[in-house]
């Protein structure tokens, strides 16, 4: 896994990668009006081109994890199975207190707990869910393009070996350890910017 190649453990046991410098993050994010929209609070930047989820707080990279976005690429349309671009916010936080590997269906814990030895090819939503709401009308909010209605999440996955390359059905996948670490730091209402960069 790419995360294991270059990183160090954080207090939650997740593996952080260190690839995006503070200056690089600022340079990219200023193009998207990040300073005005987020200011010094914590925001999440999902870089489809880099396959990274980056937490930025006070103009500095606070954490960075390898992720996986859609196998179909980027796109806004309902039914496209693409990852939507633009400004979002964390609308719901689901799974607090559940074990790592908890299996969710329709955002409800099924009672099943997945483990790495039980690879059966199912595309499961695991451990934690951060459900996203689009904030740009006609782009990722509203009829035909609504990220919330498309059930776009940040969530854990059984396909951890595929992190670092596009593989999802539209969501942003993280390792189960990493999604737990992000969940602990990210309250409802946290801004999320998804870019093709």
N, C-alpha and C. Protein backbone atom coordinates (compact mmCIF):
# COMPACT_ATOMS: atom_id res chain seq x y z
N UNK A 1 0.83 -1.18 0.00
CA UNK A 1 0.00 0.00 0.00
C UNK A 1 0.87 1.24 0.00
N UNK A 2 0.43 2.26 -0.73
CA UNK A 2 1.24 3.46 -0.84
C UNK A 2 1.42 4.15 0.49
N UNK A 3 0.38 4.14 1.33
CA UNK A 3 0.47 4.84 2.62
C UNK A 3 1.58 4.26 3.47
N UNK A 4 1.83 2.98 3.34
CA UNK A 4 2.85 2.35 4.16
C UNK A 4 4.25 2.69 3.67
N UNK A 5 4.37 3.14 2.42
CA UNK A 5 5.69 3.39 1.86
C UNK A 5 6.32 4.68 2.39
N UNK A 6 5.49 5.70 2.60
CA UNK A 6 6.06 6.98 3.01
C UNK A 6 5.14 7.60 4.04
N UNK A 7 5.46 7.42 5.30
CA UNK A 7 4.58 8.00 6.29
C UNK A 7 5.00 7.66 7.69
N UNK A 8 4.18 8.11 8.63
CA UNK A 8 4.41 7.79 10.02
C UNK A 8 3.07 7.65 10.70
N UNK A 9 3.02 6.99 11.80
CA UNK A 9 1.76 6.79 12.49
C UNK A 9 1.34 8.04 13.24
N UNK A 10 0.05 8.29 13.26
CA UNK A 10 -0.46 9.38 14.09
C UNK A 10 -1.01 8.77 15.37
N UNK A 11 -1.51 9.56 16.32
CA UNK A 11 -1.96 9.01 17.59
C UNK A 11 -3.09 8.00 17.46
N UNK A 12 -3.80 8.02 16.34
CA UNK A 12 -4.90 7.09 16.14
C UNK A 12 -4.44 5.80 15.48
N UNK A 13 -3.14 5.68 15.20
CA UNK A 13 -2.61 4.47 14.58
C UNK A 13 -2.72 4.47 13.07
N UNK A 14 -3.24 5.56 12.47
CA UNK A 14 -3.37 5.63 11.02
C UNK A 14 -2.03 6.04 10.42
N UNK A 15 -1.84 5.73 9.17
CA UNK A 15 -0.60 6.05 8.49
C UNK A 15 -0.80 7.32 7.67
N UNK A 16 0.01 8.32 7.97
CA UNK A 16 -0.06 9.58 7.24
C UNK A 16 1.02 9.59 6.17
N UNK A 17 0.69 10.12 5.01
CA UNK A 17 1.70 10.34 3.99
C UNK A 17 2.09 11.80 4.05
N UNK A 18 3.31 12.08 3.65
CA UNK A 18 3.81 13.46 3.67
C UNK A 18 4.28 13.81 2.27
N UNK A 19 3.37 14.23 1.44
CA UNK A 19 3.73 14.57 0.07
C UNK A 19 3.38 16.00 -0.29
N UNK A 20 2.36 16.56 0.30
CA UNK A 20 1.90 17.89 -0.06
C UNK A 20 2.45 18.90 0.94
N UNK A 21 3.25 19.82 0.46
CA UNK A 21 3.80 20.84 1.34
C UNK A 21 2.75 21.91 1.62
N UNK A 22 2.96 22.66 2.69
CA UNK A 22 2.04 23.75 3.02
C UNK A 22 1.95 24.74 1.86
N UNK A 23 3.08 25.08 1.28
CA UNK A 23 3.08 26.08 0.20
C UNK A 23 2.37 25.55 -1.04
N UNK A 24 2.54 24.27 -1.35
CA UNK A 24 1.86 23.68 -2.50
C UNK A 24 0.35 23.67 -2.27
N UNK A 25 -0.07 23.28 -1.07
CA UNK A 25 -1.50 23.27 -0.74
C UNK A 25 -2.08 24.68 -0.88
N UNK A 26 -1.39 25.67 -0.32
CA UNK A 26 -1.89 27.05 -0.41
C UNK A 26 -2.00 27.50 -1.86
N UNK A 27 -0.98 27.17 -2.66
CA UNK A 27 -0.96 27.59 -4.07
C UNK A 27 -2.16 27.01 -4.83
N UNK A 28 -2.43 25.73 -4.63
CA UNK A 28 -3.56 25.10 -5.31
C UNK A 28 -4.88 25.62 -4.76
N UNK A 29 -5.02 25.66 -3.46
CA UNK A 29 -6.31 25.98 -2.85
C UNK A 29 -6.72 27.43 -3.01
N UNK A 30 -5.76 28.33 -3.15
CA UNK A 30 -6.12 29.74 -3.37
C UNK A 30 -6.91 29.91 -4.66
N UNK A 31 -6.67 29.06 -5.65
CA UNK A 31 -7.42 29.13 -6.92
C UNK A 31 -8.91 28.83 -6.71
N UNK A 32 -9.23 28.14 -5.62
CA UNK A 32 -10.61 27.75 -5.35
C UNK A 32 -11.25 28.58 -4.23
N UNK A 33 -10.63 29.71 -3.90
CA UNK A 33 -11.17 30.64 -2.90
C UNK A 33 -11.18 30.03 -1.49
N UNK A 34 -10.25 29.11 -1.24
CA UNK A 34 -10.16 28.45 0.06
C UNK A 34 -10.03 29.43 1.22
N UNK A 35 -9.12 30.45 1.15
CA UNK A 35 -8.95 31.34 2.31
C UNK A 35 -10.26 32.01 2.74
N UNK A 36 -11.08 32.42 1.79
CA UNK A 36 -12.35 33.07 2.15
C UNK A 36 -13.38 32.07 2.67
N UNK A 37 -13.46 30.91 2.03
CA UNK A 37 -14.48 29.93 2.39
C UNK A 37 -14.17 29.19 3.69
N UNK A 38 -12.89 28.94 3.94
CA UNK A 38 -12.51 28.09 5.08
C UNK A 38 -11.83 28.89 6.18
N UNK A 39 -11.10 29.93 5.81
CA UNK A 39 -10.35 30.75 6.75
C UNK A 39 -9.32 29.85 7.46
N UNK A 40 -9.20 29.96 8.78
CA UNK A 40 -8.19 29.18 9.51
C UNK A 40 -8.72 27.89 10.09
N UNK A 41 -10.01 27.60 9.92
CA UNK A 41 -10.55 26.36 10.48
C UNK A 41 -10.13 25.17 9.63
N UNK A 42 -10.43 23.98 10.10
CA UNK A 42 -10.08 22.76 9.38
C UNK A 42 -11.00 22.56 8.19
N UNK A 43 -10.41 22.26 7.06
CA UNK A 43 -11.14 21.86 5.87
C UNK A 43 -10.48 20.65 5.25
N UNK A 44 -11.23 19.91 4.45
CA UNK A 44 -10.70 18.75 3.76
C UNK A 44 -10.59 19.05 2.27
N UNK A 45 -9.44 18.70 1.71
CA UNK A 45 -9.23 18.81 0.27
C UNK A 45 -9.02 17.39 -0.26
N UNK A 46 -9.90 16.98 -1.18
CA UNK A 46 -9.76 15.70 -1.85
C UNK A 46 -9.20 15.99 -3.24
N UNK A 47 -7.98 15.54 -3.47
CA UNK A 47 -7.31 15.72 -4.76
C UNK A 47 -7.44 14.44 -5.57
N UNK A 48 -8.28 14.49 -6.61
CA UNK A 48 -8.47 13.31 -7.45
C UNK A 48 -7.18 12.97 -8.19
N UNK A 49 -6.49 13.99 -8.70
CA UNK A 49 -5.25 13.76 -9.44
C UNK A 49 -4.17 13.11 -8.60
N UNK A 50 -4.10 13.48 -7.34
CA UNK A 50 -3.09 12.93 -6.43
C UNK A 50 -3.58 11.69 -5.68
N UNK A 51 -4.90 11.45 -5.69
CA UNK A 51 -5.52 10.39 -4.90
C UNK A 51 -5.13 10.56 -3.43
N UNK A 52 -5.39 11.76 -2.93
CA UNK A 52 -5.08 12.11 -1.54
C UNK A 52 -6.24 12.86 -0.91
N UNK A 53 -6.47 12.62 0.37
CA UNK A 53 -7.35 13.43 1.19
C UNK A 53 -6.44 14.19 2.14
N UNK A 54 -6.51 15.52 2.08
CA UNK A 54 -5.60 16.38 2.83
C UNK A 54 -6.42 17.25 3.77
N UNK A 55 -6.08 17.23 5.05
CA UNK A 55 -6.68 18.14 6.02
C UNK A 55 -5.82 19.39 6.11
N UNK A 56 -6.43 20.55 5.90
CA UNK A 56 -5.70 21.82 5.94
C UNK A 56 -6.34 22.69 7.01
N UNK A 57 -5.50 23.18 7.92
CA UNK A 57 -5.99 24.01 9.02
C UNK A 57 -5.00 25.16 9.22
N UNK A 58 -5.52 26.37 9.26
CA UNK A 58 -4.65 27.53 9.45
C UNK A 58 -3.60 27.67 8.37
N UNK A 59 -3.95 27.26 7.14
CA UNK A 59 -3.01 27.37 6.03
C UNK A 59 -1.93 26.32 6.00
N UNK A 60 -2.03 25.33 6.87
CA UNK A 60 -1.00 24.28 6.94
C UNK A 60 -1.63 22.90 6.76
N UNK A 61 -0.86 21.99 6.18
CA UNK A 61 -1.31 20.61 6.05
C UNK A 61 -1.28 19.96 7.43
N UNK A 62 -2.46 19.60 7.94
CA UNK A 62 -2.58 18.98 9.26
C UNK A 62 -2.45 17.46 9.17
N UNK A 63 -2.94 16.87 8.09
CA UNK A 63 -2.82 15.43 7.86
C UNK A 63 -3.06 15.16 6.39
N UNK A 64 -2.61 14.00 5.94
CA UNK A 64 -2.75 13.61 4.54
C UNK A 64 -2.81 12.10 4.46
N UNK A 65 -3.82 11.59 3.75
CA UNK A 65 -4.00 10.15 3.62
C UNK A 65 -4.22 9.77 2.17
N UNK A 66 -3.76 8.59 1.80
CA UNK A 66 -4.04 8.03 0.49
C UNK A 66 -5.52 7.68 0.42
N UNK A 67 -6.16 8.03 -0.70
CA UNK A 67 -7.58 7.70 -0.87
C UNK A 67 -7.78 7.05 -2.22
N UNK A 68 -9.02 6.75 -2.52
CA UNK A 68 -9.41 6.22 -3.82
C UNK A 68 -10.72 6.88 -4.22
N UNK A 69 -10.73 7.51 -5.38
CA UNK A 69 -11.94 8.12 -5.91
C UNK A 69 -12.52 7.22 -7.01
N UNK A 70 -13.45 7.73 -7.78
CA UNK A 70 -14.22 6.89 -8.70
C UNK A 70 -13.40 6.31 -9.84
N UNK A 71 -13.64 5.04 -10.12
CA UNK A 71 -13.03 4.38 -11.28
C UNK A 71 -13.48 5.04 -12.58
N UNK A 72 -14.69 5.63 -12.58
CA UNK A 72 -15.23 6.29 -13.77
C UNK A 72 -14.74 7.73 -13.93
N UNK A 73 -13.90 8.20 -13.01
CA UNK A 73 -13.39 9.57 -13.11
C UNK A 73 -14.27 10.57 -12.39
N UNK A 74 -14.18 11.82 -12.81
CA UNK A 74 -14.95 12.87 -12.16
C UNK A 74 -16.19 13.20 -12.98
N UNK A 75 -17.24 13.58 -12.27
CA UNK A 75 -18.49 13.94 -12.93
C UNK A 75 -19.57 14.18 -11.92
N UNK A 76 -20.53 14.95 -12.31
CA UNK A 76 -21.56 15.39 -11.39
C UNK A 76 -22.88 14.63 -11.53
N UNK A 77 -23.13 14.04 -12.68
CA UNK A 77 -24.46 13.53 -13.01
C UNK A 77 -24.87 12.34 -12.15
N UNK A 78 -26.11 12.38 -11.76
CA UNK A 78 -26.72 11.26 -11.05
C UNK A 78 -26.59 10.00 -11.91
N UNK A 79 -26.23 8.89 -11.29
CA UNK A 79 -26.09 7.63 -12.01
C UNK A 79 -24.77 7.45 -12.74
N UNK A 80 -23.90 8.45 -12.68
CA UNK A 80 -22.64 8.38 -13.43
C UNK A 80 -21.59 7.50 -12.75
N UNK A 81 -21.75 7.30 -11.44
CA UNK A 81 -20.75 6.58 -10.65
C UNK A 81 -19.39 7.28 -10.71
N UNK A 82 -19.44 8.62 -10.82
CA UNK A 82 -18.25 9.46 -10.84
C UNK A 82 -18.14 10.23 -9.53
N UNK A 83 -16.95 10.70 -9.22
CA UNK A 83 -16.74 11.55 -8.05
C UNK A 83 -17.04 13.00 -8.43
N UNK A 84 -17.92 13.65 -7.68
CA UNK A 84 -18.29 15.03 -8.01
C UNK A 84 -17.22 16.03 -7.57
N UNK A 85 -17.04 17.07 -8.36
CA UNK A 85 -16.09 18.12 -8.03
C UNK A 85 -16.78 19.25 -7.27
N UNK A 86 -15.95 20.13 -6.70
CA UNK A 86 -16.46 21.36 -6.11
C UNK A 86 -16.57 21.33 -4.59
N UNK A 87 -17.23 22.39 -4.09
CA UNK A 87 -17.37 22.60 -2.65
C UNK A 87 -18.51 21.78 -2.07
N UNK A 88 -18.20 21.12 -0.98
CA UNK A 88 -19.14 20.31 -0.23
C UNK A 88 -18.97 20.63 1.25
N UNK A 89 -19.82 20.03 2.06
CA UNK A 89 -19.63 20.05 3.50
C UNK A 89 -20.00 18.69 4.06
N UNK A 90 -19.45 18.39 5.24
CA UNK A 90 -19.83 17.15 5.92
C UNK A 90 -21.23 17.36 6.49
N UNK A 91 -22.19 16.63 5.95
CA UNK A 91 -23.59 16.79 6.35
C UNK A 91 -23.96 15.83 7.48
N UNK A 92 -23.38 14.65 7.47
CA UNK A 92 -23.69 13.63 8.48
C UNK A 92 -22.43 12.87 8.83
N UNK A 93 -22.34 12.48 10.10
CA UNK A 93 -21.25 11.64 10.60
C UNK A 93 -21.89 10.38 11.14
N UNK A 94 -21.54 9.24 10.58
CA UNK A 94 -22.22 7.99 10.90
C UNK A 94 -21.19 6.94 11.31
N UNK A 95 -21.48 6.23 12.40
CA UNK A 95 -20.64 5.11 12.81
C UNK A 95 -19.86 5.32 14.08
N UNK A 96 -20.03 6.45 14.73
CA UNK A 96 -19.29 6.72 15.96
C UNK A 96 -19.49 5.59 16.96
N UNK A 97 -18.38 5.08 17.48
CA UNK A 97 -18.44 4.01 18.48
C UNK A 97 -18.51 2.60 17.90
N UNK A 98 -18.70 2.48 16.60
CA UNK A 98 -18.73 1.15 15.98
C UNK A 98 -17.29 0.64 15.79
N UNK A 99 -17.11 -0.68 15.72
CA UNK A 99 -15.75 -1.21 15.56
C UNK A 99 -15.21 -0.96 14.16
N UNK A 100 -13.90 -0.98 14.04
CA UNK A 100 -13.28 -0.93 12.73
C UNK A 100 -13.76 -2.14 11.93
N UNK A 101 -14.14 -1.89 10.69
CA UNK A 101 -14.68 -2.97 9.86
C UNK A 101 -16.18 -3.11 9.93
N UNK A 102 -16.85 -2.28 10.74
CA UNK A 102 -18.32 -2.33 10.81
C UNK A 102 -18.89 -2.14 9.41
N UNK A 103 -19.83 -2.98 9.03
CA UNK A 103 -20.43 -2.93 7.70
C UNK A 103 -21.72 -2.13 7.77
N UNK A 104 -21.84 -1.16 6.86
CA UNK A 104 -23.04 -0.32 6.80
C UNK A 104 -23.79 -0.55 5.50
N UNK A 105 -25.11 -0.60 5.61
CA UNK A 105 -25.99 -0.65 4.45
C UNK A 105 -27.07 0.39 4.67
N UNK A 106 -27.26 1.26 3.71
CA UNK A 106 -28.20 2.38 3.85
C UNK A 106 -27.92 3.18 5.11
N UNK A 107 -26.63 3.34 5.41
CA UNK A 107 -26.13 4.13 6.54
C UNK A 107 -26.50 3.53 7.90
N UNK A 108 -26.89 2.29 7.93
CA UNK A 108 -27.21 1.58 9.18
C UNK A 108 -26.21 0.45 9.37
N UNK A 109 -25.74 0.27 10.61
CA UNK A 109 -24.83 -0.83 10.94
C UNK A 109 -25.59 -2.14 10.81
N UNK A 110 -25.05 -3.06 10.02
CA UNK A 110 -25.73 -4.33 9.76
C UNK A 110 -25.51 -5.35 10.88
N UNK A 111 -24.54 -5.10 11.76
CA UNK A 111 -24.15 -6.07 12.76
C UNK A 111 -22.96 -6.90 12.32
N UNK A 112 -22.65 -6.86 11.04
CA UNK A 112 -21.49 -7.57 10.51
C UNK A 112 -20.23 -6.73 10.69
N UNK A 113 -19.12 -7.40 11.02
CA UNK A 113 -17.82 -6.73 11.11
C UNK A 113 -16.87 -7.44 10.15
N UNK A 114 -16.43 -6.69 9.14
CA UNK A 114 -15.52 -7.22 8.14
C UNK A 114 -14.11 -7.30 8.72
N UNK A 115 -13.35 -8.32 8.29
CA UNK A 115 -11.93 -8.39 8.65
C UNK A 115 -11.14 -8.68 7.39
N UNK A 116 -9.86 -8.36 7.42
CA UNK A 116 -9.04 -8.48 6.21
C UNK A 116 -8.97 -9.90 5.68
N UNK A 117 -9.22 -10.88 6.49
CA UNK A 117 -9.21 -12.27 6.03
C UNK A 117 -10.49 -12.67 5.33
N UNK A 118 -11.49 -11.78 5.32
CA UNK A 118 -12.78 -12.14 4.73
C UNK A 118 -13.01 -11.45 3.40
N UNK A 119 -11.96 -11.36 2.58
CA UNK A 119 -12.08 -10.71 1.27
C UNK A 119 -12.95 -11.57 0.37
N UNK A 120 -14.14 -11.07 0.07
CA UNK A 120 -15.07 -11.83 -0.78
C UNK A 120 -15.51 -11.01 -1.99
N UNK A 121 -14.82 -9.89 -2.24
CA UNK A 121 -15.11 -9.10 -3.43
C UNK A 121 -16.27 -8.13 -3.32
N UNK A 122 -16.97 -8.12 -2.18
CA UNK A 122 -18.09 -7.18 -2.05
C UNK A 122 -17.57 -5.75 -1.90
N UNK A 123 -18.29 -4.81 -2.50
CA UNK A 123 -17.94 -3.39 -2.40
C UNK A 123 -18.67 -2.82 -1.19
N UNK A 124 -18.05 -2.97 -0.02
CA UNK A 124 -18.71 -2.61 1.23
C UNK A 124 -18.36 -1.21 1.68
N UNK A 125 -19.27 -0.63 2.44
CA UNK A 125 -19.03 0.64 3.12
C UNK A 125 -18.74 0.30 4.57
N UNK A 126 -17.53 0.64 5.01
CA UNK A 126 -17.05 0.16 6.30
C UNK A 126 -16.68 1.29 7.26
N UNK A 127 -16.75 0.97 8.54
CA UNK A 127 -16.11 1.65 9.68
C UNK A 127 -16.73 2.99 10.05
N UNK A 128 -16.67 3.97 9.16
CA UNK A 128 -17.24 5.31 9.39
C UNK A 128 -17.72 5.87 8.07
N UNK A 129 -18.72 6.76 8.16
CA UNK A 129 -19.24 7.45 6.98
C UNK A 129 -19.29 8.94 7.28
N UNK A 130 -18.70 9.72 6.39
CA UNK A 130 -18.90 11.16 6.36
C UNK A 130 -19.69 11.44 5.09
N UNK A 131 -20.98 11.74 5.25
CA UNK A 131 -21.84 11.98 4.08
C UNK A 131 -21.71 13.44 3.66
N UNK A 132 -21.52 13.64 2.36
CA UNK A 132 -21.26 14.98 1.84
C UNK A 132 -22.51 15.61 1.23
N UNK A 133 -22.63 16.92 1.42
CA UNK A 133 -23.68 17.72 0.79
C UNK A 133 -22.99 18.74 -0.12
N UNK A 134 -23.40 18.79 -1.38
CA UNK A 134 -22.87 19.78 -2.31
C UNK A 134 -23.35 21.17 -1.96
N UNK A 135 -22.51 22.16 -2.20
CA UNK A 135 -22.83 23.54 -1.86
C UNK A 135 -22.96 24.45 -3.08
N UNK A 136 -22.82 23.88 -4.28
CA UNK A 136 -22.86 24.69 -5.49
C UNK A 136 -24.06 24.28 -6.34
N UNK A 137 -25.08 25.13 -6.31
CA UNK A 137 -26.32 24.85 -7.03
C UNK A 137 -26.05 24.66 -8.52
N UNK A 138 -26.61 23.58 -9.07
CA UNK A 138 -26.43 23.27 -10.48
C UNK A 138 -25.15 22.52 -10.79
N UNK A 139 -24.24 22.48 -9.82
CA UNK A 139 -22.98 21.76 -10.02
C UNK A 139 -22.95 20.47 -9.20
N UNK A 140 -23.19 20.58 -7.91
CA UNK A 140 -23.21 19.39 -7.04
C UNK A 140 -24.37 19.45 -6.04
N UNK A 141 -25.29 20.38 -6.29
CA UNK A 141 -26.50 20.52 -5.48
C UNK A 141 -27.67 20.80 -6.41
N UNK A 142 -28.77 20.09 -6.20
CA UNK A 142 -29.94 20.30 -7.03
C UNK A 142 -30.22 19.12 -7.94
N UNK A 143 -31.32 19.19 -8.67
CA UNK A 143 -31.78 18.06 -9.49
C UNK A 143 -30.73 17.56 -10.48
N UNK A 144 -30.54 16.25 -10.48
CA UNK A 144 -29.67 15.59 -11.43
C UNK A 144 -28.19 15.58 -11.11
N UNK A 145 -27.77 16.41 -10.11
CA UNK A 145 -26.34 16.51 -9.79
C UNK A 145 -26.07 16.50 -8.29
N UNK A 146 -27.07 16.23 -7.49
CA UNK A 146 -26.98 16.45 -6.04
C UNK A 146 -26.13 15.39 -5.33
N UNK A 147 -25.00 15.81 -4.80
CA UNK A 147 -24.08 14.88 -4.13
C UNK A 147 -24.73 14.19 -2.93
N UNK A 148 -25.56 14.92 -2.19
CA UNK A 148 -26.22 14.33 -1.03
C UNK A 148 -27.18 13.23 -1.48
N UNK A 149 -27.96 13.52 -2.50
CA UNK A 149 -28.91 12.53 -3.01
C UNK A 149 -28.21 11.38 -3.73
N UNK A 150 -26.98 11.62 -4.19
CA UNK A 150 -26.19 10.56 -4.83
C UNK A 150 -25.48 9.69 -3.78
N UNK A 151 -25.61 10.03 -2.51
CA UNK A 151 -24.96 9.28 -1.42
C UNK A 151 -23.45 9.25 -1.60
N UNK A 152 -22.87 10.43 -1.77
CA UNK A 152 -21.42 10.55 -1.87
C UNK A 152 -20.86 10.63 -0.46
N UNK A 153 -19.99 9.68 -0.12
CA UNK A 153 -19.43 9.57 1.23
C UNK A 153 -17.90 9.58 1.18
N UNK A 154 -17.33 9.87 2.32
CA UNK A 154 -15.96 9.47 2.66
C UNK A 154 -16.14 8.27 3.58
N UNK A 155 -15.56 7.13 3.26
CA UNK A 155 -15.81 5.93 4.07
C UNK A 155 -14.66 4.95 3.99
N UNK A 156 -14.67 3.98 4.89
CA UNK A 156 -13.70 2.91 4.87
C UNK A 156 -14.05 1.86 3.83
N UNK A 157 -13.05 1.06 3.44
CA UNK A 157 -13.23 0.10 2.35
C UNK A 157 -12.53 -1.22 2.66
N UNK A 158 -13.05 -2.34 2.13
CA UNK A 158 -12.30 -3.60 2.22
C UNK A 158 -11.20 -3.68 1.17
N UNK A 159 -11.24 -2.79 0.15
CA UNK A 159 -10.27 -2.83 -0.95
C UNK A 159 -9.10 -1.89 -0.66
N UNK A 160 -8.49 -2.05 0.50
CA UNK A 160 -7.40 -1.16 0.88
C UNK A 160 -6.20 -1.26 -0.05
N UNK A 161 -6.02 -2.41 -0.67
CA UNK A 161 -4.89 -2.58 -1.60
C UNK A 161 -5.07 -1.74 -2.86
N UNK A 162 -6.28 -1.22 -3.09
CA UNK A 162 -6.54 -0.40 -4.28
C UNK A 162 -6.46 1.10 -3.99
N UNK A 163 -6.19 1.46 -2.75
CA UNK A 163 -6.05 2.88 -2.42
C UNK A 163 -4.86 3.45 -3.18
N UNK A 164 -4.98 4.71 -3.58
CA UNK A 164 -3.93 5.35 -4.36
C UNK A 164 -4.21 5.35 -5.84
N UNK A 165 -5.32 4.71 -6.23
CA UNK A 165 -5.75 4.77 -7.63
C UNK A 165 -7.28 4.76 -7.67
N UNK A 166 -7.87 5.33 -8.71
CA UNK A 166 -9.33 5.39 -8.81
C UNK A 166 -9.93 3.99 -8.84
N UNK A 167 -10.90 3.75 -7.95
CA UNK A 167 -11.48 2.40 -7.87
C UNK A 167 -12.91 2.39 -7.33
N UNK A 168 -13.41 3.51 -6.84
CA UNK A 168 -14.71 3.51 -6.17
C UNK A 168 -15.85 3.70 -7.17
N UNK A 169 -17.07 3.69 -6.65
CA UNK A 169 -18.27 3.93 -7.46
C UNK A 169 -18.72 5.39 -7.32
N UNK A 170 -17.82 6.27 -6.90
CA UNK A 170 -18.13 7.69 -6.77
C UNK A 170 -17.69 8.29 -5.45
N UNK A 171 -17.66 7.47 -4.42
CA UNK A 171 -17.27 7.94 -3.08
C UNK A 171 -15.76 8.12 -2.98
N UNK A 172 -15.35 8.63 -1.83
CA UNK A 172 -13.93 8.76 -1.49
C UNK A 172 -13.63 7.68 -0.46
N UNK A 173 -12.83 6.71 -0.82
CA UNK A 173 -12.49 5.61 0.07
C UNK A 173 -11.19 5.91 0.80
N UNK A 174 -11.14 5.50 2.07
CA UNK A 174 -9.93 5.54 2.88
C UNK A 174 -9.73 4.18 3.50
N UNK A 175 -8.53 3.91 4.00
CA UNK A 175 -8.33 2.70 4.80
C UNK A 175 -9.19 2.83 6.05
N UNK A 176 -9.47 1.74 6.68
CA UNK A 176 -10.34 1.76 7.86
C UNK A 176 -9.69 2.49 9.02
N UNK A 177 -8.39 2.34 9.19
CA UNK A 177 -7.71 3.11 10.25
C UNK A 177 -7.73 4.60 9.95
N UNK A 178 -7.52 4.94 8.68
CA UNK A 178 -7.47 6.36 8.32
C UNK A 178 -8.83 7.02 8.44
N UNK A 179 -9.89 6.33 8.03
CA UNK A 179 -11.21 6.96 8.13
C UNK A 179 -11.60 7.17 9.59
N UNK A 180 -11.17 6.29 10.47
CA UNK A 180 -11.42 6.51 11.90
C UNK A 180 -10.70 7.76 12.39
N UNK A 181 -9.45 7.95 11.95
CA UNK A 181 -8.67 9.12 12.37
C UNK A 181 -9.30 10.40 11.84
N UNK A 182 -9.73 10.40 10.58
CA UNK A 182 -10.36 11.59 10.01
C UNK A 182 -11.67 11.88 10.72
N UNK A 183 -12.46 10.85 10.96
CA UNK A 183 -13.76 11.01 11.62
C UNK A 183 -13.61 11.69 12.98
N UNK A 184 -12.57 11.32 13.71
CA UNK A 184 -12.35 11.90 15.04
C UNK A 184 -12.05 13.39 14.98
N UNK A 185 -11.49 13.86 13.88
CA UNK A 185 -11.08 15.26 13.77
C UNK A 185 -12.09 16.15 13.06
N UNK A 186 -13.07 15.55 12.39
CA UNK A 186 -13.91 16.31 11.48
C UNK A 186 -15.35 16.40 11.99
N UNK A 187 -15.79 17.59 12.41
CA UNK A 187 -17.18 17.75 12.84
C UNK A 187 -18.12 17.96 11.65
N UNK A 188 -19.40 17.84 11.90
CA UNK A 188 -20.40 18.20 10.89
C UNK A 188 -20.19 19.64 10.48
N UNK A 189 -20.43 19.93 9.22
CA UNK A 189 -20.26 21.28 8.70
C UNK A 189 -18.86 21.58 8.19
N UNK A 190 -17.92 20.65 8.36
CA UNK A 190 -16.56 20.87 7.86
C UNK A 190 -16.60 21.02 6.33
N UNK A 191 -15.96 22.07 5.79
CA UNK A 191 -15.90 22.24 4.34
C UNK A 191 -15.03 21.16 3.69
N UNK A 192 -15.48 20.70 2.53
CA UNK A 192 -14.75 19.69 1.76
C UNK A 192 -14.68 20.17 0.32
N UNK A 193 -13.48 20.31 -0.20
CA UNK A 193 -13.28 20.69 -1.60
C UNK A 193 -12.72 19.50 -2.35
N UNK A 194 -13.40 19.13 -3.43
CA UNK A 194 -12.94 18.03 -4.30
C UNK A 194 -12.49 18.65 -5.62
N UNK A 195 -11.22 18.42 -5.96
CA UNK A 195 -10.66 18.99 -7.19
C UNK A 195 -10.09 17.90 -8.08
N UNK A 196 -10.00 18.20 -9.36
CA UNK A 196 -9.38 17.27 -10.31
C UNK A 196 -7.86 17.32 -10.23
N UNK A 197 -7.29 18.40 -9.63
CA UNK A 197 -5.83 18.56 -9.53
C UNK A 197 -5.22 17.35 -8.84
